[in-house]
Amino acid sequence: MQDVKIAMTERKKIALVAHDHKKNDLLNWVSLHREEIIKHQIFATGTTGKLLEETLGIAIECFQSGPLGGDQQIGAKIVTGEIDFLIFFWDPLEPQSHDPDVKALLRMAVVWNIPVANNLASADFLISSPLMNQEYDRYIPDYNTYRARKIDLGQH
């Protein structure tokens, strides 16, 4: 399968998401990296987005709360190329009512080859990367081949 190049601009489109027990970690992290983060376009799920607007003092495009479909909205934006970076502080020790949505969101991030950070250390490494403020070409398989495949429906 051939690869397709998708260009990321210097100004990244970043989704910030955090489960309830990780919201303070995310708010502290964005406060520490505020000057870097405000250079980029920020998206977030409902409650997290409102908290981030207060903390950063910038407008953020907010989706629904995660359990109400916000994770799926972000996943859809990844698929359409409207989000190209995901920082998702998820809580691996706390069961979530929307675990299938979380798994689907993380799957979309991998399928569409976008950078993902799921904890403070990964987020620190990504935000401090020299690639953060320059154009970057990411590659994904040419899914047109997948879409055009012949489906064998077998006997009916």
Foldseek 3Di string as FASTA:
>chain_A
DDKDKDKAALAAEEEEEEDPVCLVVVLVLCLVVLVLNVSHAYEYEDPSQVSNCVSNVDHHHYHHHVVVCRLVVVLVCLVVVNHQAYEYQYDPVDDDPPVVSVVSSVVSCVQSVGYYHHDDVSVVVVSPDPCNRHMDIDMHHPCVCVVPDDDDPDDD
